[in-house]
Amino acid sequence: MEILFCFKQFKTFIDNNIGKQFNKKSRPSIEKIKRVILKSPVINEDETPITVNGKIMSSIGVFTKEVSLVDAFKNRKLESFEEMGILDRYIGTVCHDHNNIHTSFVQSKQAECNFHILRYCKAEYEVHKRESIKEFMDYLLELRDKVDTYKLQGKTSFTEKEYEEAKTEYLRLLSKWNDE
């Protein structure tokens, strides 16, 4: 896997000659990585705050099985995601952490990361102790285990029937939680 970290927003790094040379020489590699990402049917995106010289910034990462690109921006606003030059051009499925910024990218399909969903469910369960939440979390973990087993068997997806059954049960448990 090719990994490249961009430092264009780290002013103290870029202001020196080494930083300027790195920025200039890495540009073709960054564009190549972006092209690979844009061709992928599914990508993963995650944003996290970072501290640089005492200032809070935003680190945005976009990942496929082949490549990863992480860039730093002044803030977590839509403009930062657009400046990265991927999500505003991407037309496949983006798996992410329920960041509402993604609703701005209407040309792509949105999928929420199950690990993030599990984290939200766990917090909700710890507060409200609702059995329907626990049942939903257990089902997500069951699906995860099934996927892991399939990977070990060399399978790459559920059958259409398995997918429809999983979707039906997922929506049933979600509805049960909602009703509760």
C-alpha atoms as a PDB file:
ATOM      1  CA  MET A   1       0.000   0.000   0.000  1.00  0.00           C
ATOM      2  CA  GLU A   2       1.323   3.387  -0.970  1.00  0.00           C
ATOM      3  CA  ILE A   3       0.889   6.009   1.737  1.00  0.00           C
ATOM      4  CA  LEU A   4       1.663   9.674   1.284  1.00  0.00           C
ATOM      5  CA  PHE A   5       1.117  12.396   3.825  1.00  0.00           C
ATOM      6  CA  CYS A   6       0.591  15.926   2.567  1.00  0.00           C
ATOM      7  CA  PHE A   7       2.007  18.833   4.489  1.00  0.00           C
ATOM      8  CA  LYS A   8       0.861  21.789   2.424  1.00  0.00           C
ATOM      9  CA  GLN A   9      -0.922  23.439   5.375  1.00  0.00           C
ATOM     10  CA  PHE A  10       2.010  23.065   7.774  1.00  0.00           C
ATOM     11  CA  LYS A  11       3.366  26.537   7.116  1.00  0.00           C
ATOM     12  CA  THR A  12       6.543  26.159   9.166  1.00  0.00           C
ATOM     13  CA  PHE A  13       7.441  23.037   7.212  1.00  0.00           C
ATOM     14  CA  ILE A  14       6.652  24.432   3.766  1.00  0.00           C
ATOM     15  CA  ASP A  15       8.345  27.781   4.364  1.00  0.00           C
ATOM     16  CA  ASN A  16      11.777  26.200   4.393  1.00  0.00           C
ATOM     17  CA  ASN A  17      13.507  24.992   1.223  1.00  0.00           C
ATOM     18  CA  ILE A  18      13.196  21.297   2.082  1.00  0.00           C
ATOM     19  CA  GLY A  19       9.449  21.686   2.538  1.00  0.00           C
ATOM     20  CA  LYS A  20       9.071  23.580  -0.726  1.00  0.00           C
ATOM     21  CA  GLN A  21      11.077  20.945  -2.593  1.00  0.00           C
ATOM     22  CA  PHE A  22       9.057  18.144  -1.034  1.00  0.00           C
ATOM     23  CA  ASN A  23       5.776  19.848  -1.895  1.00  0.00           C
ATOM     24  CA  LYS A  24       6.843  20.378  -5.523  1.00  0.00           C
ATOM     25  CA  LYS A  25       8.330  16.912  -6.055  1.00  0.00           C
ATOM     26  CA  SER A  26       5.471  15.067  -4.366  1.00  0.00           C
ATOM     27  CA  ARG A  27       2.737  16.750  -6.454  1.00  0.00           C
ATOM     28  CA  PRO A  28       2.812  14.121  -9.287  1.00  0.00           C
ATOM     29  CA  SER A  29       2.601  11.284  -6.741  1.00  0.00           C
ATOM     30  CA  ILE A  30      -0.302  12.953  -4.955  1.00  0.00           C
ATOM     31  CA  GLU A  31      -2.178  13.406  -8.237  1.00  0.00           C
ATOM     32  CA  LYS A  32      -1.528   9.748  -9.112  1.00  0.00           C
ATOM     33  CA  ILE A  33      -2.931   8.644  -5.740  1.00  0.00           C
ATOM     34  CA  LYS A  34      -5.989  10.859  -6.239  1.00  0.00           C
ATOM     35  CA  ARG A  35      -6.639   9.241  -9.642  1.00  0.00           C
ATOM     36  CA  VAL A  36      -6.490   5.758  -8.075  1.00  0.00           C
ATOM     37  CA  ILE A  37      -8.902   6.856  -5.322  1.00  0.00           C
ATOM     38  CA  LEU A  38     -11.316   8.452  -7.804  1.00  0.00           C
ATOM     39  CA  LYS A  39     -11.477   5.193  -9.804  1.00  0.00           C
ATOM     40  CA  SER A  40     -12.267   3.032  -6.754  1.00  0.00           C
ATOM     41  CA  PRO A  41     -15.885   1.872  -6.354  1.00  0.00           C
ATOM     42  CA  VAL A  42     -15.739   2.304  -2.555  1.00  0.00           C
ATOM     43  CA  ILE A  43     -13.522   4.570  -0.472  1.00  0.00           C
ATOM     44  CA  ASN A  44     -13.211   5.170   3.240  1.00  0.00           C
ATOM     45  CA  GLU A  45     -12.881   8.676   4.672  1.00  0.00           C
ATOM     46  CA  ASP A  46     -12.095   9.795   8.164  1.00  0.00           C
ATOM     47  CA  GLU A  47     -11.480  13.209   9.665  1.00  0.00           C
ATOM     48  CA  THR A  48      -9.869  13.862  13.006  1.00  0.00           C
ATOM     49  CA  PRO A  49      -8.682  16.990  14.787  1.00  0.00           C
ATOM     50  CA  ILE A  50      -4.943  17.402  15.267  1.00  0.00           C
ATOM     51  CA  THR A  51      -2.850  19.979  17.091  1.00  0.00           C
ATOM     52  CA  VAL A  52      -0.026  21.694  15.201  1.00  0.00           C
ATOM     53  CA  ASN A  53       2.039  24.289  17.054  1.00  0.00           C
ATOM     54  CA  GLY A  54      -0.785  24.713  19.581  1.00  0.00           C
ATOM     55  CA  LYS A  55      -3.462  25.255  16.916  1.00  0.00           C
ATOM     56  CA  ILE A  56      -6.327  22.836  16.241  1.00  0.00           C
ATOM     57  CA  MET A  57      -6.381  21.681  12.619  1.00  0.00           C
ATOM     58  CA  SER A  58      -8.223  18.971  10.713  1.00  0.00           C
ATOM     59  CA  SER A  59      -6.582  15.856   9.313  1.00  0.00           C
ATOM     60  CA  ILE A  60      -8.613  14.253   6.522  1.00  0.00           C
ATOM     61  CA  GLY A  61      -7.743  10.795   5.269  1.00  0.00           C
ATOM     62  CA  VAL A  62      -9.112   8.966   2.246  1.00  0.00           C
ATOM     63  CA  PHE A  63      -8.331   5.269   1.940  1.00  0.00           C
ATOM     64  CA  THR A  64      -8.751   2.377  -0.498  1.00  0.00           C
ATOM     65  CA  LYS A  65      -7.251  -1.115  -0.428  1.00  0.00           C
ATOM     66  CA  GLU A  66      -4.409   0.136  -2.612  1.00  0.00           C
ATOM     67  CA  VAL A  67      -3.627   3.662  -1.442  1.00  0.00           C
ATOM     68  CA  SER A  68      -4.111   6.142   1.368  1.00  0.00           C
ATOM     69  CA  LEU A  69      -3.927   9.912   1.309  1.00  0.00           C
ATOM     70  CA  VAL A  70      -3.890  12.052   4.444  1.00  0.00           C
ATOM     71  CA  ASP A  71      -3.879  15.838   4.309  1.00  0.00           C
ATOM     72  CA  ALA A  72      -4.063  18.590   6.935  1.00  0.00           C
ATOM     73  CA  PHE A  73      -6.327  21.634   6.789  1.00  0.00           C
ATOM     74  CA  LYS A  74      -6.979  24.743   8.885  1.00  0.00           C
ATOM     75  CA  ASN A  75     -10.459  23.558   9.919  1.00  0.00           C
ATOM     76  CA  ARG A  76     -13.205  20.943   9.513  1.00  0.00           C
ATOM     77  CA  LYS A  77     -15.363  22.974   7.142  1.00  0.00           C
ATOM     78  CA  LEU A  78     -16.727  21.940   3.751  1.00  0.00           C
ATOM     79  CA  GLU A  79     -14.067  24.075   2.043  1.00  0.00           C
ATOM     80  CA  SER A  80     -11.324  21.841   3.469  1.00  0.00           C
ATOM     81  CA  PHE A  81     -12.945  18.701   2.046  1.00  0.00           C
ATOM     82  CA  GLU A  82     -13.365  20.457  -1.318  1.00  0.00           C
ATOM     83  CA  GLU A  83      -9.769  21.717  -1.249  1.00  0.00           C
ATOM     84  CA  MET A  84      -8.552  18.136  -0.880  1.00  0.00           C
ATOM     85  CA  GLY A  85      -9.992  17.580  -4.360  1.00  0.00           C
ATOM     86  CA  ILE A  86     -11.418  14.083  -3.929  1.00  0.00           C
ATOM     87  CA  LEU A  87     -14.861  14.004  -2.332  1.00  0.00           C
ATOM     88  CA  ASP A  88     -16.209  16.802  -4.520  1.00  0.00           C
ATOM     89  CA  ARG A  89     -15.273  14.751  -7.627  1.00  0.00           C
ATOM     90  CA  TYR A  90     -15.897  11.214  -6.392  1.00  0.00           C
ATOM     91  CA  ILE A  91     -18.936   9.311  -7.750  1.00  0.00           C
ATOM     92  CA  GLY A  92     -18.723   5.941  -5.948  1.00  0.00           C
ATOM     93  CA  THR A  93     -19.623   4.991  -2.359  1.00  0.00           C
ATOM     94  CA  VAL A  94     -17.982   6.843   0.534  1.00  0.00           C
ATOM     95  CA  CYS A  95     -17.876   5.022   3.874  1.00  0.00           C
ATOM     96  CA  HIS A  96     -17.463   7.566   6.665  1.00  0.00           C
ATOM     97  CA  ASP A  97     -18.253   8.517  10.261  1.00  0.00           C
ATOM     98  CA  HIS A  98     -21.634  10.255   9.886  1.00  0.00           C
ATOM     99  CA  ASN A  99     -20.077  13.659   9.307  1.00  0.00           C
ATOM    100  CA  ASN A 100     -22.914  15.834   7.951  1.00  0.00           C
ATOM    101  CA  ILE A 101     -20.486  17.499   5.533  1.00  0.00           C
ATOM    102  CA  HIS A 102     -20.889  14.426   3.314  1.00  0.00           C
ATOM    103  CA  THR A 103     -24.479  15.388   2.491  1.00  0.00           C
ATOM    104  CA  SER A 104     -22.969  18.188   0.375  1.00  0.00           C
ATOM    105  CA  PHE A 105     -21.456  15.629  -2.000  1.00  0.00           C
ATOM    106  CA  VAL A 106     -24.673  14.564  -3.722  1.00  0.00           C
ATOM    107  CA  GLN A 107     -22.912  12.846  -6.644  1.00  0.00           C
ATOM    108  CA  SER A 108     -21.647  10.021  -4.390  1.00  0.00           C
ATOM    109  CA  LYS A 109     -23.421   7.386  -2.340  1.00  0.00           C
ATOM    110  CA  GLN A 110     -23.028   7.600   1.429  1.00  0.00           C
ATOM    111  CA  ALA A 111     -22.357   4.664   3.754  1.00  0.00           C
ATOM    112  CA  GLU A 112     -21.726   4.936   7.459  1.00  0.00           C
ATOM    113  CA  CYS A 113     -18.897   2.939   8.977  1.00  0.00           C
ATOM    114  CA  ASN A 114     -20.205   0.110  11.176  1.00  0.00           C
ATOM    115  CA  PHE A 115     -17.434   0.687  13.717  1.00  0.00           C
ATOM    116  CA  HIS A 116     -18.670   4.248  14.168  1.00  0.00           C
ATOM    117  CA  ILE A 117     -22.258   3.008  14.420  1.00  0.00           C
ATOM    118  CA  LEU A 118     -21.164   0.521  17.091  1.00  0.00           C
ATOM    119  CA  ARG A 119     -19.431   3.301  19.023  1.00  0.00           C
ATOM    120  CA  TYR A 120     -22.592   5.431  18.978  1.00  0.00           C
ATOM    121  CA  CYS A 121     -24.719   2.439  19.967  1.00  0.00           C
ATOM    122  CA  LYS A 122     -22.425   1.553  22.854  1.00  0.00           C
ATOM    123  CA  ALA A 123     -22.642   5.090  24.227  1.00  0.00           C
ATOM    124  CA  GLU A 124     -26.419   5.062  23.812  1.00  0.00           C
ATOM    125  CA  TYR A 125     -26.700   1.663  25.521  1.00  0.00           C
ATOM    126  CA  GLU A 126     -24.535   2.759  28.452  1.00  0.00           C
ATOM    127  CA  VAL A 127     -26.852   5.722  29.039  1.00  0.00           C
ATOM    128  CA  HIS A 128     -30.296   4.223  28.350  1.00  0.00           C
ATOM    129  CA  LYS A 129     -29.780   0.459  28.861  1.00  0.00           C
ATOM    130  CA  ARG A 130     -32.338  -0.357  26.155  1.00  0.00           C
ATOM    131  CA  GLU A 131     -32.312  -3.998  25.123  1.00  0.00           C
ATOM    132  CA  SER A 132     -33.131  -3.099  21.510  1.00  0.00           C
ATOM    133  CA  ILE A 133     -29.821  -1.208  21.277  1.00  0.00           C
ATOM    134  CA  LYS A 134     -27.934  -4.234  22.596  1.00  0.00           C
ATOM    135  CA  GLU A 135     -29.765  -6.477  20.119  1.00  0.00           C
ATOM    136  CA  PHE A 136     -28.820  -4.136  17.252  1.00  0.00           C
ATOM    137  CA  MET A 137     -25.145  -4.046  18.341  1.00  0.00           C
ATOM    138  CA  ASP A 138     -25.059  -7.848  18.632  1.00  0.00           C
ATOM    139  CA  TYR A 139     -26.407  -8.140  15.099  1.00  0.00           C
ATOM    140  CA  LEU A 140     -23.754  -5.757  13.729  1.00  0.00           C
ATOM    141  CA  LEU A 141     -21.071  -7.845  15.431  1.00  0.00           C
ATOM    142  CA  GLU A 142     -22.625 -11.012  14.000  1.00  0.00           C
ATOM    143  CA  LEU A 143     -22.450  -9.503  10.503  1.00  0.00           C
ATOM    144  CA  ARG A 144     -18.827  -8.492  11.085  1.00  0.00           C
ATOM    145  CA  ASP A 145     -17.943 -12.036  12.125  1.00  0.00           C
ATOM    146  CA  LYS A 146     -19.695 -13.450   9.049  1.00  0.00           C
ATOM    147  CA  VAL A 147     -17.727 -11.092   6.792  1.00  0.00           C
ATOM    148  CA  ASP A 148     -14.467 -12.121   8.487  1.00  0.00           C
ATOM    149  CA  THR A 149     -15.327 -15.805   7.991  1.00  0.00           C
ATOM    150  CA  TYR A 150     -16.155 -15.187   4.331  1.00  0.00           C
ATOM    151  CA  LYS A 151     -12.836 -13.405   3.811  1.00  0.00           C
ATOM    152  CA  LEU A 152     -10.988 -16.427   5.236  1.00  0.00           C
ATOM    153  CA  GLN A 153     -12.947 -18.632   2.813  1.00  0.00           C
ATOM    154  CA  GLY A 154     -11.956 -16.389  -0.106  1.00  0.00           C
ATOM    155  CA  LYS A 155     -15.464 -15.020  -0.628  1.00  0.00           C
ATOM    156  CA  THR A 156     -15.764 -11.356  -1.570  1.00  0.00           C
ATOM    157  CA  SER A 157     -19.454 -10.681  -0.929  1.00  0.00           C
ATOM    158  CA  PHE A 158     -22.761 -11.958   0.354  1.00  0.00           C
ATOM    159  CA  THR A 159     -25.080 -13.665  -2.085  1.00  0.00           C
ATOM    160  CA  GLU A 160     -28.050 -11.554  -3.170  1.00  0.00           C
ATOM    161  CA  LYS A 161     -30.285 -13.600  -0.840  1.00  0.00           C
ATOM    162  CA  GLU A 162     -27.914 -13.148   2.136  1.00  0.00           C
ATOM    163  CA  TYR A 163     -27.697  -9.421   1.446  1.00  0.00           C
ATOM    164  CA  GLU A 164     -31.496  -9.043   1.353  1.00  0.00           C
ATOM    165  CA  GLU A 165     -31.866 -11.083   4.563  1.00  0.00           C
ATOM    166  CA  ALA A 166     -29.191  -8.998   6.318  1.00  0.00           C
ATOM    167  CA  LYS A 167     -30.775  -5.761   5.121  1.00  0.00           C
ATOM    168  CA  THR A 168     -34.237  -6.871   6.283  1.00  0.00           C
ATOM    169  CA  GLU A 169     -32.979  -7.853   9.736  1.00  0.00           C
ATOM    170  CA  TYR A 170     -30.900  -4.671  10.044  1.00  0.00           C
ATOM    171  CA  LEU A 171     -33.919  -2.503   9.244  1.00  0.00           C
ATOM    172  CA  ARG A 172     -36.169  -4.563  11.545  1.00  0.00           C
ATOM    173  CA  LEU A 173     -33.809  -4.113  14.499  1.00  0.00           C
ATOM    174  CA  LEU A 174     -33.355  -0.429  13.718  1.00  0.00           C
ATOM    175  CA  SER A 175     -37.131   0.029  13.595  1.00  0.00           C
ATOM    176  CA  LYS A 176     -37.520  -1.849  16.898  1.00  0.00           C
ATOM    177  CA  TRP A 177     -34.974   0.458  18.506  1.00  0.00           C
ATOM    178  CA  ASN A 178     -36.706   3.493  17.014  1.00  0.00           C
ATOM    179  CA  ASP A 179     -40.115   2.347  18.307  1.00  0.00           C
ATOM    180  CA  GLU A 180     -38.679   1.814  21.783  1.00  0.00           C
END
